[in-house]
Protein backbone atom coordinates (compact mmCIF):
# COMPACT_ATOMS: atom_id res chain seq x y z
CA MET A 1 -65.93 61.09 61.06
CA VAL A 2 -63.39 60.16 62.97
CA LYS A 3 -61.09 57.41 62.07
CA ILE A 4 -59.82 55.34 65.12
CA ASP A 5 -56.94 52.65 64.60
CA LEU A 6 -57.53 49.82 66.44
CA LEU A 7 -54.23 48.01 65.31
CA PRO A 8 -51.54 48.38 67.71
CA ALA A 9 -48.92 50.33 65.95
CA TYR A 10 -46.49 47.35 66.14
CA ARG A 11 -48.76 45.31 64.11
CA ARG A 12 -48.65 47.46 61.17
CA ILE A 13 -45.10 47.51 61.21
CA GLY A 14 -44.81 43.67 61.18
CA PHE A 15 -47.12 43.79 58.10
CA ARG A 16 -45.21 45.72 56.03
CA ARG A 17 -42.01 44.09 57.11
CA ARG A 18 -43.79 40.53 55.95
CA ARG A 19 -44.74 42.09 52.86
CA ALA A 20 -40.96 43.10 52.13
CA ARG A 21 -39.52 40.26 52.89
CA TYR A 22 -42.27 38.53 50.71
CA GLY A 23 -40.91 40.50 47.87
CA LEU A 24 -37.49 39.46 48.51
CA GLY A 25 -38.08 35.89 48.42
CA ILE A 26 -39.89 36.19 45.12
CA LEU A 27 -37.24 38.40 43.55
CA ALA A 28 -34.52 36.02 44.58
CA LEU A 29 -36.78 32.95 43.19
CA CYS A 30 -37.05 34.88 39.62
CA PHE A 31 -33.28 35.92 40.06
CA LEU A 32 -32.53 31.47 40.79
CA ALA A 33 -34.86 30.84 37.96
CA THR A 34 -33.10 33.11 35.60
CA VAL A 35 -29.69 31.45 36.30
CA ALA A 36 -30.74 28.24 36.19
CA LEU A 37 -32.48 29.29 32.62
CA TYR A 38 -29.12 30.89 31.35
CA ALA A 39 -26.93 27.89 32.97
CA TRP A 40 -29.46 25.07 31.16
CA THR A 41 -29.18 27.20 27.70
CA THR A 42 -25.60 27.40 28.05
CA TRP A 43 -25.15 23.74 28.72
CA ARG A 44 -27.34 23.22 25.43
CA GLN A 45 -24.94 25.28 23.13
CA PHE A 46 -21.78 23.45 24.47
CA SER A 47 -23.40 20.08 23.92
CA TYR A 48 -24.13 21.74 20.45
CA TYR A 49 -20.74 22.87 19.90
CA ARG A 50 -19.00 19.37 21.11
CA ALA A 51 -21.40 17.49 18.79
CA GLU A 52 -20.18 19.38 15.64
CA LEU A 53 -16.42 19.61 16.67
CA GLU A 54 -16.97 15.87 16.79
CA LYS A 55 -18.48 16.06 13.03
CA VAL A 56 -15.82 18.08 11.61
CA GLY A 57 -13.30 15.46 13.46
CA GLU A 58 -14.43 13.10 11.85
CA GLN A 59 -15.02 14.61 8.54
CA ARG A 60 -10.77 15.68 8.41
CA ARG A 61 -10.38 12.08 9.17
CA GLN A 62 -12.44 11.15 6.24
CA TYR A 63 -10.64 13.69 4.32
CA SER A 64 -7.58 12.51 5.15
CA ARG A 65 -8.11 8.54 4.37
CA ALA A 66 -9.31 10.00 1.55
CA GLU A 67 -6.08 11.89 0.18
CA ASP A 68 -4.34 8.44 1.05
CA ARG A 69 -6.43 7.02 -1.08
CA ALA A 70 -6.12 9.69 -4.23
CA ARG A 71 -2.30 9.12 -3.39
CA GLN A 72 -2.25 5.74 -3.33
CA VAL A 73 -4.49 5.50 -6.89
CA ALA A 74 -1.81 8.24 -8.19
CA ASP A 75 1.09 5.97 -7.69
CA LEU A 76 -0.72 3.10 -9.28
CA GLU A 77 -1.58 5.49 -12.18
CA GLN A 78 1.80 6.43 -12.52
CA ALA A 79 3.00 2.92 -12.33
CA LEU A 80 0.50 1.72 -14.88
CA ALA A 81 1.87 4.57 -17.24
CA GLN A 82 4.96 3.14 -17.21
CA LYS A 83 4.34 -0.29 -17.86
CA ARG A 84 2.04 0.89 -20.34
CA ALA A 85 5.44 3.19 -21.64
CA LEU A 86 7.60 -0.32 -21.91
CA LEU A 87 5.15 -2.21 -23.13
CA LYS A 88 4.83 0.13 -26.26
CA SER A 89 8.22 0.13 -26.44
CA TRP A 90 8.64 -3.38 -26.79
CA ARG A 91 5.71 -3.80 -29.44
CA GLY A 92 7.79 -5.06 -32.40
CA SER A 93 10.77 -5.47 -30.95
CA ARG A 94 12.20 -8.58 -30.01
CA GLN A 95 11.39 -8.43 -26.38
CA GLY A 96 7.72 -7.99 -27.52
CA SER A 97 7.82 -11.01 -29.46
CA VAL A 98 9.07 -13.20 -26.05
CA VAL A 99 6.26 -11.55 -24.22
CA ARG A 100 3.49 -12.44 -26.71
CA GLU A 101 5.09 -16.05 -26.59
CA LEU A 102 4.97 -16.32 -23.20
CA GLU A 103 1.41 -15.33 -22.99
CA ALA A 104 0.51 -18.48 -25.34
CA LEU A 105 2.94 -20.64 -23.54
CA LEU A 106 2.09 -20.53 -20.38
CA PRO A 107 0.69 -23.46 -18.62
CA ARG A 108 -2.63 -23.68 -16.28
CA GLY A 109 -1.58 -23.70 -12.73
CA ILE A 110 1.90 -21.65 -13.57
CA THR A 111 1.72 -17.79 -12.47
CA LEU A 112 4.47 -15.65 -13.51
CA THR A 113 5.92 -12.92 -10.44
CA GLU A 114 9.32 -11.69 -12.36
CA MET A 115 10.27 -11.78 -15.76
CA THR A 116 14.05 -10.11 -16.65
CA ILE A 117 15.11 -9.93 -20.27
CA LYS A 118 19.08 -9.30 -19.81
CA GLY A 119 21.13 -9.31 -23.39
CA SER A 120 20.06 -12.95 -25.03
CA GLU A 121 18.72 -14.64 -21.48
CA VAL A 122 15.14 -14.53 -20.17
CA THR A 123 14.91 -15.33 -16.34
CA LEU A 124 11.16 -16.54 -15.03
CA LYS A 125 10.22 -16.70 -11.50
CA GLY A 126 7.14 -17.68 -10.71
CA ARG A 127 5.03 -20.11 -8.32
CA ALA A 128 3.36 -23.88 -9.92
CA GLY A 129 1.14 -26.32 -8.16
CA SER A 130 3.69 -28.76 -9.10
CA LEU A 131 6.93 -29.82 -10.14
CA GLN A 132 4.76 -31.30 -13.44
CA GLN A 133 3.67 -28.20 -14.59
CA VAL A 134 7.31 -26.69 -14.23
CA ALA A 135 8.54 -29.49 -16.55
CA ASP A 136 5.88 -28.70 -18.84
CA LEU A 137 6.91 -25.11 -18.87
CA VAL A 138 10.33 -25.69 -19.59
CA GLU A 139 9.49 -28.35 -22.69
CA GLN A 140 6.76 -25.44 -23.75
CA LEU A 141 9.56 -22.87 -23.71
CA ASN A 142 12.22 -25.16 -25.57
CA ARG A 143 9.30 -26.02 -28.26
CA SER A 144 8.74 -21.80 -28.97
CA ARG A 145 9.69 -19.98 -31.84
CA TYR A 146 12.31 -17.22 -29.78
CA LEU A 147 13.86 -19.11 -26.56
CA ALA A 148 15.73 -22.24 -26.46
CA ARG A 149 17.94 -23.91 -23.87
CA ALA A 150 15.03 -23.31 -21.17
CA GLU A 151 16.27 -25.05 -17.70
CA VAL A 152 15.11 -25.58 -14.38
CA VAL A 153 17.22 -23.42 -11.81
CA SER A 154 15.79 -23.69 -8.74
CA ALA A 155 12.29 -25.07 -7.47
CA GLN A 156 11.30 -25.51 -3.69
CA ALA A 157 8.69 -26.12 -2.14
CA GLU A 158 5.94 -23.64 -0.68
CA GLY A 159 4.46 -23.92 2.36
CA LYS A 160 0.78 -23.43 0.52
CA GLY A 161 1.26 -26.69 -1.30
CA GLY A 162 3.04 -25.12 -4.17
CA TYR A 163 6.47 -24.41 -5.34
CA LEU A 164 8.27 -21.42 -6.24
CA PHE A 165 10.75 -21.85 -9.47
CA GLN A 166 13.25 -20.14 -11.35
CA VAL A 167 13.65 -20.96 -15.07
CA THR A 168 16.18 -19.23 -17.49
CA ALA A 169 16.05 -19.68 -21.38
CA ARG A 170 17.97 -17.60 -24.20
CA THR A 171 16.53 -16.10 -26.65
CA GLY A 172 16.96 -16.72 -30.57
CA GLU A 173 15.98 -19.59 -32.72
CA GLY A 174 14.07 -22.10 -30.69
CA GLY A 175 13.71 -25.58 -31.19
CA GLY A 176 10.64 -25.61 -33.13
CA ARG A 177 7.08 -25.29 -33.76
């Protein structure tokens, strides 16, 4: 048996070249798919890490706010401890008696913002809803056991419809209950 090749030689060569081109095209397509897959996974990881960094940043901000609050609480606790120590030192003393007397005498509508005891002089500063309330306070102070000679130093109208006042009195035997 004799084999006869009826296809011309140039056609056989072209078929091999086309097959090689298809192979290269498929290889290039696989390469592009791999690059695209790699880019997509890298982008996903980048997005994940960016989100994690944002979470860490928010946690740091919350931690900073919590530290600020903790410092404020510590400052308030320290101030409270100082005030408690002052009140303990006043317990049984003349100043303590004056403070207890003021608590009992203070009319409604009066808010004390400051109290100073220097020697025998007591200075009270605060807010009142009306001048009548300030007059009532002076009258009560003059009738107390520990305070006498109470007088209004100043009373100024405040923008909120009330009055800022300052009253002084002397410690000692009061006008009498």
